[in-house]
Amino acid sequence: MEIAVNIISADEDEFRDVGDSAVPLDQWTGIEANGLDTVKLATIHSVVTGDSLHEALDLYEPIYVAEVDEGREILVLQLADDLLERLVELDEDAMEGLAGELAMSEEFEGEQRDPEDVLELLAALSELAQLAEAQGQVLFVWMRLERG
């Protein structure tokens, strides 16, 4: 299964519009994070906030689901407030340590993700979280699942 992922900053009430968008990055500010699934997102949440993975997984149920056509659907999740707050506060040293921890986690290690790639993802998420906070917005995770 392929997963196309965009993480975008938008107003909290725009989740349906985000879900109905074919290319959210054309309409909102965000980043591409292809391959990031719910378990990896919960792992990031767990490592950054200190919550257990089980607690984090409970936070990431889709708030919007749309079937595009046979074998393709769109899911929209909202980043938990705790994660958003912690991402805003991250400094470079903390990011480096967290990136190393994430790269060694079972979820990321299986893909043999380079700690530098994970660090780039964390830095981009932190920057996007700062933008969202400054604009009074939230972060949505738009996922297009293609079963093939």
N, C-alpha and C. Protein backbone atom coordinates (compact mmCIF):
# COMPACT_ATOMS: atom_id res chain seq x y z
N MET A 1 0.84 -1.17 0.00
CA MET A 1 0.00 0.00 0.00
C MET A 1 0.89 1.24 0.00
N GLU A 2 0.57 2.17 -0.86
CA GLU A 2 1.30 3.44 -0.90
C GLU A 2 0.52 4.48 -0.12
N ILE A 3 1.27 5.33 0.59
CA ILE A 3 0.64 6.39 1.37
C ILE A 3 1.27 7.72 0.99
N ALA A 4 0.46 8.59 0.39
CA ALA A 4 0.90 9.96 0.12
C ALA A 4 0.43 10.80 1.31
N VAL A 5 1.34 11.60 1.87
CA VAL A 5 1.01 12.34 3.09
C VAL A 5 1.42 13.80 2.96
N ASN A 6 0.49 14.68 3.33
CA ASN A 6 0.77 16.11 3.48
C ASN A 6 0.40 16.49 4.90
N ILE A 7 1.24 17.28 5.55
CA ILE A 7 0.91 17.82 6.86
C ILE A 7 0.77 19.32 6.65
N ILE A 8 -0.40 19.83 6.98
CA ILE A 8 -0.67 21.23 6.66
C ILE A 8 -1.21 21.99 7.87
N SER A 9 -1.00 23.30 7.81
CA SER A 9 -1.52 24.22 8.81
C SER A 9 -2.81 24.81 8.26
N ALA A 10 -3.91 24.67 9.00
CA ALA A 10 -5.20 25.18 8.54
C ALA A 10 -6.07 25.50 9.76
N ASP A 11 -7.16 26.21 9.50
CA ASP A 11 -8.11 26.48 10.57
C ASP A 11 -8.78 25.18 10.99
N GLU A 12 -9.11 25.07 12.27
CA GLU A 12 -9.64 23.83 12.82
C GLU A 12 -10.90 23.35 12.11
N ASP A 13 -11.71 24.27 11.64
CA ASP A 13 -12.97 23.87 10.98
C ASP A 13 -12.81 23.54 9.50
N GLU A 14 -11.58 23.52 8.98
CA GLU A 14 -11.35 23.25 7.56
C GLU A 14 -11.03 21.79 7.25
N PHE A 15 -11.22 20.90 8.22
CA PHE A 15 -10.80 19.50 8.00
C PHE A 15 -11.53 18.84 6.82
N ARG A 16 -12.79 19.19 6.59
CA ARG A 16 -13.51 18.62 5.44
C ARG A 16 -12.92 19.13 4.13
N ASP A 17 -12.62 20.42 4.09
CA ASP A 17 -12.02 21.00 2.88
C ASP A 17 -10.66 20.36 2.61
N VAL A 18 -9.90 20.12 3.67
CA VAL A 18 -8.60 19.46 3.53
C VAL A 18 -8.81 18.06 2.95
N GLY A 19 -9.77 17.33 3.50
CA GLY A 19 -10.03 15.98 3.03
C GLY A 19 -10.52 15.92 1.60
N ASP A 20 -11.24 16.93 1.17
CA ASP A 20 -11.78 16.95 -0.19
C ASP A 20 -10.78 17.49 -1.21
N SER A 21 -9.66 17.99 -0.74
CA SER A 21 -8.65 18.56 -1.64
C SER A 21 -7.83 17.45 -2.29
N ALA A 22 -7.60 17.57 -3.58
CA ALA A 22 -6.75 16.61 -4.29
C ALA A 22 -5.28 16.84 -3.97
N VAL A 23 -4.90 18.12 -3.76
CA VAL A 23 -3.51 18.47 -3.46
C VAL A 23 -3.53 19.59 -2.40
N PRO A 24 -3.59 19.21 -1.11
CA PRO A 24 -3.67 20.22 -0.04
C PRO A 24 -2.55 21.25 -0.07
N LEU A 25 -1.35 20.85 -0.49
CA LEU A 25 -0.22 21.79 -0.50
C LEU A 25 -0.41 22.91 -1.50
N ASP A 26 -1.36 22.77 -2.43
CA ASP A 26 -1.67 23.85 -3.36
C ASP A 26 -2.53 24.93 -2.70
N GLN A 27 -3.18 24.57 -1.58
CA GLN A 27 -4.11 25.50 -0.93
C GLN A 27 -3.67 25.96 0.45
N TRP A 28 -2.86 25.16 1.12
CA TRP A 28 -2.43 25.48 2.48
C TRP A 28 -0.91 25.33 2.59
N THR A 29 -0.34 25.95 3.60
CA THR A 29 1.09 25.80 3.87
C THR A 29 1.32 24.47 4.57
N GLY A 30 2.31 23.74 4.11
CA GLY A 30 2.58 22.46 4.74
C GLY A 30 3.81 21.79 4.17
N ILE A 31 3.94 20.52 4.51
CA ILE A 31 5.08 19.72 4.06
C ILE A 31 4.59 18.39 3.52
N GLU A 32 5.40 17.79 2.68
CA GLU A 32 5.14 16.44 2.19
C GLU A 32 5.86 15.47 3.11
N ALA A 33 5.17 14.41 3.51
CA ALA A 33 5.77 13.41 4.40
C ALA A 33 5.33 12.02 3.96
N ASN A 34 5.52 11.71 2.69
CA ASN A 34 5.06 10.44 2.14
C ASN A 34 5.61 9.26 2.92
N GLY A 35 4.76 8.26 3.11
CA GLY A 35 5.15 7.07 3.85
C GLY A 35 4.89 7.15 5.34
N LEU A 36 4.56 8.34 5.85
CA LEU A 36 4.29 8.49 7.28
C LEU A 36 2.89 7.94 7.55
N ASP A 37 2.84 6.83 8.28
CA ASP A 37 1.54 6.25 8.59
C ASP A 37 1.15 6.59 10.03
N THR A 38 0.02 6.09 10.45
CA THR A 38 -0.49 6.41 11.78
C THR A 38 0.46 5.91 12.88
N VAL A 39 1.05 4.75 12.70
CA VAL A 39 1.96 4.21 13.72
C VAL A 39 3.21 5.08 13.83
N LYS A 40 3.76 5.52 12.70
CA LYS A 40 4.94 6.39 12.75
C LYS A 40 4.58 7.74 13.37
N LEU A 41 3.39 8.25 13.05
CA LEU A 41 2.95 9.51 13.63
C LEU A 41 2.81 9.36 15.15
N ALA A 42 2.23 8.26 15.59
CA ALA A 42 2.09 8.02 17.03
C ALA A 42 3.46 7.84 17.68
N THR A 43 4.40 7.24 16.95
CA THR A 43 5.76 7.08 17.47
C THR A 43 6.42 8.44 17.67
N ILE A 44 6.27 9.32 16.68
CA ILE A 44 6.79 10.69 16.83
C ILE A 44 6.16 11.34 18.05
N HIS A 45 4.84 11.22 18.18
CA HIS A 45 4.14 11.80 19.32
C HIS A 45 4.72 11.25 20.63
N SER A 46 4.88 9.93 20.70
CA SER A 46 5.37 9.28 21.91
C SER A 46 6.77 9.75 22.28
N VAL A 47 7.66 9.79 21.30
CA VAL A 47 9.05 10.20 21.57
C VAL A 47 9.13 11.68 21.96
N VAL A 48 8.39 12.52 21.27
CA VAL A 48 8.47 13.96 21.53
C VAL A 48 7.79 14.36 22.83
N THR A 49 6.64 13.73 23.15
CA THR A 49 5.88 14.14 24.34
C THR A 49 6.18 13.31 25.57
N GLY A 50 6.70 12.08 25.39
CA GLY A 50 6.92 11.18 26.51
C GLY A 50 5.71 10.32 26.83
N ASP A 51 4.59 10.48 26.11
CA ASP A 51 3.43 9.62 26.29
C ASP A 51 3.77 8.22 25.80
N SER A 52 3.05 7.23 26.28
CA SER A 52 3.28 5.87 25.80
C SER A 52 2.78 5.75 24.36
N LEU A 53 3.31 4.79 23.64
CA LEU A 53 2.88 4.57 22.26
C LEU A 53 1.40 4.22 22.22
N HIS A 54 0.94 3.44 23.19
CA HIS A 54 -0.47 3.07 23.25
C HIS A 54 -1.36 4.31 23.41
N GLU A 55 -0.98 5.20 24.32
CA GLU A 55 -1.73 6.45 24.51
C GLU A 55 -1.73 7.28 23.23
N ALA A 56 -0.58 7.35 22.59
CA ALA A 56 -0.46 8.14 21.36
C ALA A 56 -1.31 7.57 20.24
N LEU A 57 -1.32 6.26 20.10
CA LEU A 57 -2.13 5.64 19.04
C LEU A 57 -3.61 5.98 19.20
N ASP A 58 -4.08 6.08 20.44
CA ASP A 58 -5.49 6.42 20.68
C ASP A 58 -5.84 7.84 20.22
N LEU A 59 -4.84 8.70 20.09
CA LEU A 59 -5.08 10.09 19.71
C LEU A 59 -5.21 10.29 18.20
N TYR A 60 -4.83 9.30 17.42
CA TYR A 60 -4.75 9.51 15.97
C TYR A 60 -5.74 8.67 15.17
N GLU A 61 -7.00 8.83 15.52
CA GLU A 61 -8.09 8.27 14.72
C GLU A 61 -8.46 9.33 13.67
N PRO A 62 -8.83 8.90 12.48
CA PRO A 62 -9.22 9.88 11.45
C PRO A 62 -10.44 10.70 11.89
N ILE A 63 -10.40 11.99 11.57
CA ILE A 63 -11.56 12.85 11.83
C ILE A 63 -12.39 13.03 10.56
N TYR A 64 -11.83 12.56 9.44
CA TYR A 64 -12.55 12.64 8.16
C TYR A 64 -12.02 11.53 7.25
N VAL A 65 -12.95 10.83 6.60
CA VAL A 65 -12.59 9.76 5.67
C VAL A 65 -13.43 9.93 4.41
N ALA A 66 -12.78 9.85 3.26
CA ALA A 66 -13.49 9.94 1.99
C ALA A 66 -12.93 8.90 1.03
N GLU A 67 -13.83 8.13 0.42
CA GLU A 67 -13.38 7.18 -0.60
C GLU A 67 -13.36 7.92 -1.93
N VAL A 68 -12.18 8.00 -2.53
CA VAL A 68 -12.01 8.71 -3.79
C VAL A 68 -12.53 7.85 -4.93
N ASP A 69 -12.08 6.62 -4.97
CA ASP A 69 -12.56 5.63 -5.93
C ASP A 69 -12.12 4.27 -5.41
N GLU A 70 -12.42 3.23 -6.15
CA GLU A 70 -12.07 1.88 -5.71
C GLU A 70 -10.57 1.77 -5.42
N GLY A 71 -10.25 1.41 -4.19
CA GLY A 71 -8.85 1.21 -3.83
C GLY A 71 -8.12 2.45 -3.35
N ARG A 72 -8.79 3.60 -3.35
CA ARG A 72 -8.14 4.85 -2.88
C ARG A 72 -9.06 5.57 -1.92
N GLU A 73 -8.49 5.96 -0.78
CA GLU A 73 -9.27 6.77 0.15
C GLU A 73 -8.39 7.83 0.78
N ILE A 74 -9.06 8.87 1.26
CA ILE A 74 -8.39 9.98 1.92
C ILE A 74 -8.76 9.95 3.40
N LEU A 75 -7.75 10.07 4.24
CA LEU A 75 -7.95 10.19 5.68
C LEU A 75 -7.39 11.53 6.13
N VAL A 76 -8.07 12.17 7.08
CA VAL A 76 -7.54 13.38 7.69
C VAL A 76 -7.48 13.16 9.19
N LEU A 77 -6.30 13.40 9.76
CA LEU A 77 -6.09 13.32 11.20
C LEU A 77 -5.64 14.68 11.68
N GLN A 78 -5.86 14.97 12.93
CA GLN A 78 -5.37 16.22 13.50
C GLN A 78 -4.27 15.92 14.50
N LEU A 79 -3.16 16.64 14.40
CA LEU A 79 -2.08 16.48 15.36
C LEU A 79 -2.58 16.89 16.73
N ALA A 80 -2.28 16.08 17.72
CA ALA A 80 -2.71 16.34 19.10
C ALA A 80 -2.08 17.64 19.60
N ASP A 81 -2.83 18.36 20.43
CA ASP A 81 -2.36 19.63 20.97
C ASP A 81 -1.02 19.49 21.71
N ASP A 82 -0.87 18.39 22.47
CA ASP A 82 0.39 18.19 23.22
C ASP A 82 1.58 18.13 22.28
N LEU A 83 1.43 17.39 21.18
CA LEU A 83 2.53 17.29 20.22
C LEU A 83 2.81 18.64 19.57
N LEU A 84 1.75 19.33 19.19
CA LEU A 84 1.91 20.65 18.57
C LEU A 84 2.69 21.58 19.50
N GLU A 85 2.32 21.62 20.77
CA GLU A 85 3.00 22.48 21.74
C GLU A 85 4.47 22.12 21.88
N ARG A 86 4.77 20.83 21.97
CA ARG A 86 6.15 20.40 22.13
C ARG A 86 6.98 20.70 20.88
N LEU A 87 6.37 20.52 19.71
CA LEU A 87 7.09 20.83 18.46
C LEU A 87 7.45 22.31 18.40
N VAL A 88 6.56 23.17 18.88
CA VAL A 88 6.81 24.61 18.88
C VAL A 88 8.02 24.94 19.75
N GLU A 89 8.17 24.22 20.86
CA GLU A 89 9.21 24.51 21.85
C GLU A 89 10.56 23.88 21.54
N LEU A 90 10.64 22.95 20.58
CA LEU A 90 11.89 22.23 20.34
C LEU A 90 13.03 23.15 19.90
N ASP A 91 14.18 22.94 20.51
CA ASP A 91 15.38 23.63 20.03
C ASP A 91 16.22 22.62 19.26
N GLU A 92 17.29 23.09 18.65
CA GLU A 92 18.10 22.25 17.77
C GLU A 92 18.71 21.04 18.50
N ASP A 93 19.21 21.26 19.71
CA ASP A 93 19.82 20.16 20.46
C ASP A 93 18.79 19.07 20.78
N ALA A 94 17.62 19.50 21.23
CA ALA A 94 16.57 18.53 21.56
C ALA A 94 16.14 17.77 20.31
N MET A 95 16.04 18.49 19.19
CA MET A 95 15.65 17.85 17.94
C MET A 95 16.63 16.76 17.53
N GLU A 96 17.92 17.04 17.67
CA GLU A 96 18.93 16.05 17.29
C GLU A 96 18.81 14.78 18.12
N GLY A 97 18.62 14.95 19.42
CA GLY A 97 18.46 13.79 20.30
C GLY A 97 17.20 12.99 19.96
N LEU A 98 16.10 13.69 19.74
CA LEU A 98 14.84 13.02 19.41
C LEU A 98 14.93 12.32 18.05
N ALA A 99 15.60 12.94 17.10
CA ALA A 99 15.75 12.34 15.77
C ALA A 99 16.53 11.03 15.87
N GLY A 100 17.57 11.02 16.68
CA GLY A 100 18.34 9.79 16.88
C GLY A 100 17.49 8.70 17.52
N GLU A 101 16.70 9.10 18.51
CA GLU A 101 15.82 8.14 19.18
C GLU A 101 14.77 7.59 18.21
N LEU A 102 14.19 8.47 17.41
CA LEU A 102 13.20 8.03 16.41
C LEU A 102 13.82 7.10 15.37
N ALA A 103 14.99 7.46 14.89
CA ALA A 103 15.65 6.66 13.86
C ALA A 103 15.93 5.25 14.36
N MET A 104 16.14 5.10 15.68
CA MET A 104 16.41 3.78 16.25
C MET A 104 15.14 3.04 16.65
N SER A 105 13.99 3.72 16.58
CA SER A 105 12.74 3.06 16.96
C SER A 105 12.40 1.98 15.95
N GLU A 106 11.65 1.00 16.39
CA GLU A 106 11.26 -0.12 15.55
C GLU A 106 10.55 0.35 14.28
N GLU A 107 9.69 1.35 14.42
CA GLU A 107 8.89 1.83 13.30
C GLU A 107 9.73 2.50 12.22
N PHE A 108 10.76 3.23 12.61
CA PHE A 108 11.61 3.92 11.64
C PHE A 108 12.81 3.07 11.23
N GLU A 109 13.33 2.28 12.16
CA GLU A 109 14.52 1.48 11.88
C GLU A 109 14.25 0.44 10.79
N GLY A 110 13.01 -0.08 10.75
CA GLY A 110 12.65 -1.06 9.73
C GLY A 110 12.81 -0.52 8.32
N GLU A 111 12.66 0.79 8.17
CA GLU A 111 12.85 1.45 6.87
C GLU A 111 14.29 1.91 6.68
N GLN A 112 15.11 1.69 7.71
CA GLN A 112 16.50 2.13 7.70
C GLN A 112 16.59 3.63 7.39
N ARG A 113 15.79 4.39 8.12
CA ARG A 113 15.78 5.84 7.94
C ARG A 113 17.05 6.43 8.55
N ASP A 114 17.72 7.25 7.81
CA ASP A 114 18.90 7.95 8.27
C ASP A 114 18.48 8.98 9.32
N PRO A 115 19.21 9.07 10.44
CA PRO A 115 18.87 10.07 11.46
C PRO A 115 18.79 11.48 10.88
N GLU A 116 19.57 11.78 9.85
CA GLU A 116 19.51 13.11 9.22
C GLU A 116 18.15 13.36 8.55
N ASP A 117 17.60 12.30 7.92
CA ASP A 117 16.27 12.43 7.30
C ASP A 117 15.21 12.65 8.37
N VAL A 118 15.33 11.93 9.47
CA VAL A 118 14.38 12.07 10.56
C VAL A 118 14.51 13.46 11.18
N LEU A 119 15.74 13.95 11.30
CA LEU A 119 15.97 15.29 11.82
C LEU A 119 15.34 16.35 10.91
N GLU A 120 15.46 16.18 9.60
CA GLU A 120 14.84 17.11 8.65
C GLU A 120 13.32 17.12 8.82
N LEU A 121 12.73 15.93 9.00
CA LEU A 121 11.28 15.84 9.21
C LEU A 121 10.88 16.55 10.49
N LEU A 122 11.60 16.32 11.57
CA LEU A 122 11.29 16.98 12.85
C LEU A 122 11.43 18.50 12.74
N ALA A 123 12.49 18.95 12.07
CA ALA A 123 12.70 20.40 11.91
C ALA A 123 11.57 21.02 11.10
N ALA A 124 11.15 20.34 10.04
CA ALA A 124 10.05 20.85 9.22
C ALA A 124 8.75 20.86 10.01
N LEU A 125 8.51 19.82 10.81
CA LEU A 125 7.30 19.78 11.65
C LEU A 125 7.33 20.89 12.70
N SER A 126 8.49 21.12 13.30
CA SER A 126 8.62 22.17 14.30
C SER A 126 8.33 23.55 13.69
N GLU A 127 8.90 23.79 12.52
CA GLU A 127 8.68 25.07 11.84
C GLU A 127 7.20 25.24 11.48
N LEU A 128 6.57 24.18 10.99
CA LEU A 128 5.16 24.24 10.64
C LEU A 128 4.29 24.45 11.88
N ALA A 129 4.67 23.81 12.98
CA ALA A 129 3.93 23.98 14.24
C ALA A 129 4.02 25.42 14.73
N GLN A 130 5.19 26.03 14.58
CA GLN A 130 5.36 27.43 14.98
C GLN A 130 4.47 28.34 14.14
N LEU A 131 4.39 28.07 12.85
CA LEU A 131 3.51 28.85 11.96
C LEU A 131 2.06 28.68 12.36
N ALA A 132 1.65 27.44 12.60
CA ALA A 132 0.26 27.17 12.98
C ALA A 132 -0.09 27.90 14.27
N GLU A 133 0.81 27.83 15.26
CA GLU A 133 0.54 28.51 16.52
C GLU A 133 0.42 30.02 16.32
N ALA A 134 1.31 30.60 15.53
CA ALA A 134 1.29 32.04 15.28
C ALA A 134 0.00 32.48 14.59
N GLN A 135 -0.56 31.59 13.77
CA GLN A 135 -1.78 31.94 13.01
C GLN A 135 -3.05 31.42 13.68
N GLY A 136 -2.92 30.82 14.86
CA GLY A 136 -4.10 30.28 15.55
C GLY A 136 -4.71 29.10 14.81
N GLN A 137 -3.87 28.31 14.16
CA GLN A 137 -4.35 27.17 13.39
C GLN A 137 -3.90 25.86 14.04
N VAL A 138 -4.30 24.76 13.42
CA VAL A 138 -3.91 23.43 13.86
C VAL A 138 -3.18 22.74 12.72
N LEU A 139 -2.59 21.58 12.99
CA LEU A 139 -1.93 20.81 11.95
C LEU A 139 -2.79 19.59 11.61
N PHE A 140 -3.08 19.44 10.34
CA PHE A 140 -3.80 18.28 9.85
C PHE A 140 -2.86 17.38 9.07
N VAL A 141 -3.09 16.09 9.18
CA VAL A 141 -2.34 15.11 8.41
C VAL A 141 -3.30 14.54 7.38
N TRP A 142 -3.04 14.84 6.11
CA TRP A 142 -3.84 14.35 4.98
C TRP A 142 -3.14 13.14 4.42
N MET A 143 -3.84 12.01 4.37
CA MET A 143 -3.25 10.78 3.87
C MET A 143 -4.10 10.24 2.72
N ARG A 144 -3.44 9.97 1.61
CA ARG A 144 -4.13 9.28 0.50
C ARG A 144 -3.58 7.87 0.44
N LEU A 145 -4.45 6.92 0.75
CA LEU A 145 -4.07 5.50 0.75
C LEU A 145 -4.43 4.89 -0.60
N GLU A 146 -3.47 4.23 -1.19
CA GLU A 146 -3.72 3.55 -2.46
C GLU A 146 -3.38 2.08 -2.29
N ARG A 147 -4.42 1.29 -2.35
CA ARG A 147 -4.24 -0.15 -2.24
C ARG A 147 -4.08 -0.70 -3.65
N GLY A 148 -3.06 -1.45 -3.84
CA GLY A 148 -2.83 -1.87 -5.20
C GLY A 148 -2.65 -3.29 -5.39
